[in-house]
Amino acid sequence: MKFKKDYIWPIIGVAAVVFSVWLLLEQLNDISYDDLVISFYAVPLHNWIMALVCTCFSFIALAGYDQLALRHLRRRVSFLFVSARIRNYYLKMYLRKLYLQPNKISV
């Protein structure tokens, strides 16, 4: 029984990745590289820079709030550890929300 468990989950994982890549390629089939480049250059450079800066500041603020809460609970954790965990947590929560309520999220 253990022999089957050792091999079935990696096979399921590889199958999920292969299916995801196939699905992504099917979705991107109608988009040409030229359209992507034109769309990329249509956005001004300062907008890309500001979006990146604001995203970095928002994650720093979230990590700071979490570190403050942990300090209130008398737990000493490094800022880098908190910031890495918060990135994974919010990504996981967004994906969970996306899959549980697909009709309520506008993309």
Protein backbone atom coordinates (compact mmCIF):
# COMPACT_ATOMS: atom_id res chain seq x y z
CA MET A 1 0.00 0.00 0.00
CA LYS A 2 2.81 2.39 0.86
CA PHE A 3 4.43 1.64 -2.48
CA LYS A 4 1.36 2.98 -4.29
CA LYS A 5 1.24 6.13 -2.15
CA ASP A 6 4.89 6.86 -2.85
CA TYR A 7 4.26 6.94 -6.60
CA ILE A 8 0.65 8.02 -7.04
CA TRP A 9 0.97 11.57 -5.67
CA PRO A 10 4.03 12.50 -7.73
CA ILE A 11 2.25 11.15 -10.82
CA ILE A 12 -0.82 13.22 -9.99
CA GLY A 13 1.40 16.28 -9.48
CA VAL A 14 3.17 15.84 -12.80
CA ALA A 15 -0.17 15.27 -14.54
CA ALA A 16 -1.53 18.49 -13.00
CA VAL A 17 1.49 20.47 -14.22
CA VAL A 18 1.24 19.00 -17.71
CA PHE A 19 -2.48 19.76 -17.83
CA SER A 20 -1.85 23.33 -16.61
CA VAL A 21 0.79 23.95 -19.25
CA TRP A 22 -1.46 22.53 -21.96
CA LEU A 23 -4.37 24.71 -20.77
CA LEU A 24 -2.16 27.80 -20.68
CA LEU A 25 -0.90 27.17 -24.19
CA GLU A 26 -4.49 26.74 -25.42
CA GLN A 27 -5.45 30.07 -23.85
CA LEU A 28 -2.43 31.88 -25.27
CA ASN A 29 -2.86 30.43 -28.75
CA ASP A 30 -4.68 33.51 -30.10
CA ILE A 31 -2.18 36.02 -28.69
CA SER A 32 0.81 36.78 -30.84
CA TYR A 33 4.17 37.92 -29.56
CA ASP A 34 3.81 41.21 -31.45
CA ASP A 35 0.49 41.96 -29.71
CA LEU A 36 2.11 41.31 -26.36
CA VAL A 37 5.04 43.62 -27.11
CA ILE A 38 2.74 46.37 -28.41
CA SER A 39 0.58 46.12 -25.28
CA PHE A 40 3.65 46.19 -23.06
CA TYR A 41 5.03 49.33 -24.69
CA ALA A 42 1.61 51.02 -24.67
CA VAL A 43 1.94 51.46 -20.89
CA PRO A 44 4.34 54.31 -20.02
CA LEU A 45 7.53 53.38 -18.19
CA HIS A 46 6.74 55.53 -15.15
CA ASN A 47 3.48 53.57 -14.68
CA TRP A 48 5.41 50.28 -14.60
CA ILE A 49 7.89 51.72 -12.12
CA MET A 50 5.18 53.15 -9.87
CA ALA A 51 3.26 49.87 -9.92
CA LEU A 52 6.39 47.99 -8.87
CA VAL A 53 7.25 50.51 -6.13
CA CYS A 54 3.72 50.51 -4.74
CA THR A 55 3.59 46.72 -4.74
CA CYS A 56 6.87 46.56 -2.83
CA PHE A 57 5.69 49.11 -0.27
CA SER A 58 2.39 47.29 0.24
CA PHE A 59 4.18 44.01 1.00
CA ILE A 60 6.60 45.79 3.33
CA ALA A 61 3.64 47.35 5.16
CA LEU A 62 1.85 44.00 5.45
CA ALA A 63 4.99 42.33 6.76
CA GLY A 64 5.45 45.18 9.24
CA TYR A 65 1.90 44.81 10.52
CA ASP A 66 2.38 41.08 10.95
CA GLN A 67 5.70 41.54 12.73
CA LEU A 68 4.06 44.08 15.03
CA ALA A 69 1.29 41.60 15.84
CA LEU A 70 3.84 38.87 16.54
CA ARG A 71 5.81 41.25 18.75
CA HIS A 72 2.61 41.98 20.67
CA LEU A 73 2.28 38.22 21.24
CA ARG A 74 5.90 38.23 22.49
CA ARG A 75 7.20 36.22 19.53
CA ARG A 76 10.51 37.35 18.07
CA VAL A 77 10.68 36.55 14.37
CA SER A 78 12.96 38.16 11.79
CA PHE A 79 11.48 40.59 9.30
CA LEU A 80 12.71 38.54 6.32
CA PHE A 81 10.93 35.44 7.63
CA VAL A 82 7.69 37.35 8.14
CA SER A 83 7.87 38.98 4.72
CA ALA A 84 8.47 35.64 2.97
CA ARG A 85 5.58 34.02 4.83
CA ILE A 86 3.17 36.87 4.16
CA ARG A 87 3.84 36.71 0.43
CA ASN A 88 3.03 33.00 0.38
CA TYR A 89 -0.03 33.46 2.61
CA TYR A 90 -1.67 36.19 0.56
CA LEU A 91 -0.96 34.39 -2.70
CA LYS A 92 -2.53 31.24 -1.30
CA MET A 93 -5.59 33.14 -0.02
CA TYR A 94 -6.06 34.90 -3.37
CA LEU A 95 -5.90 31.62 -5.25
CA ARG A 96 -8.30 29.98 -2.80
CA LYS A 97 -10.74 32.87 -3.24
CA LEU A 98 -10.33 32.67 -7.00
CA TYR A 99 -11.16 28.96 -7.12
CA LEU A 100 -13.93 28.97 -4.50
CA GLN A 101 -15.82 31.98 -5.88
CA PRO A 102 -14.98 32.28 -9.57
CA ASN A 103 -18.07 34.31 -10.47
CA LYS A 104 -17.43 37.07 -7.91
CA ILE A 105 -13.91 38.04 -9.02
CA SER A 106 -13.44 40.28 -11.99
CA VAL A 107 -10.17 39.80 -13.79
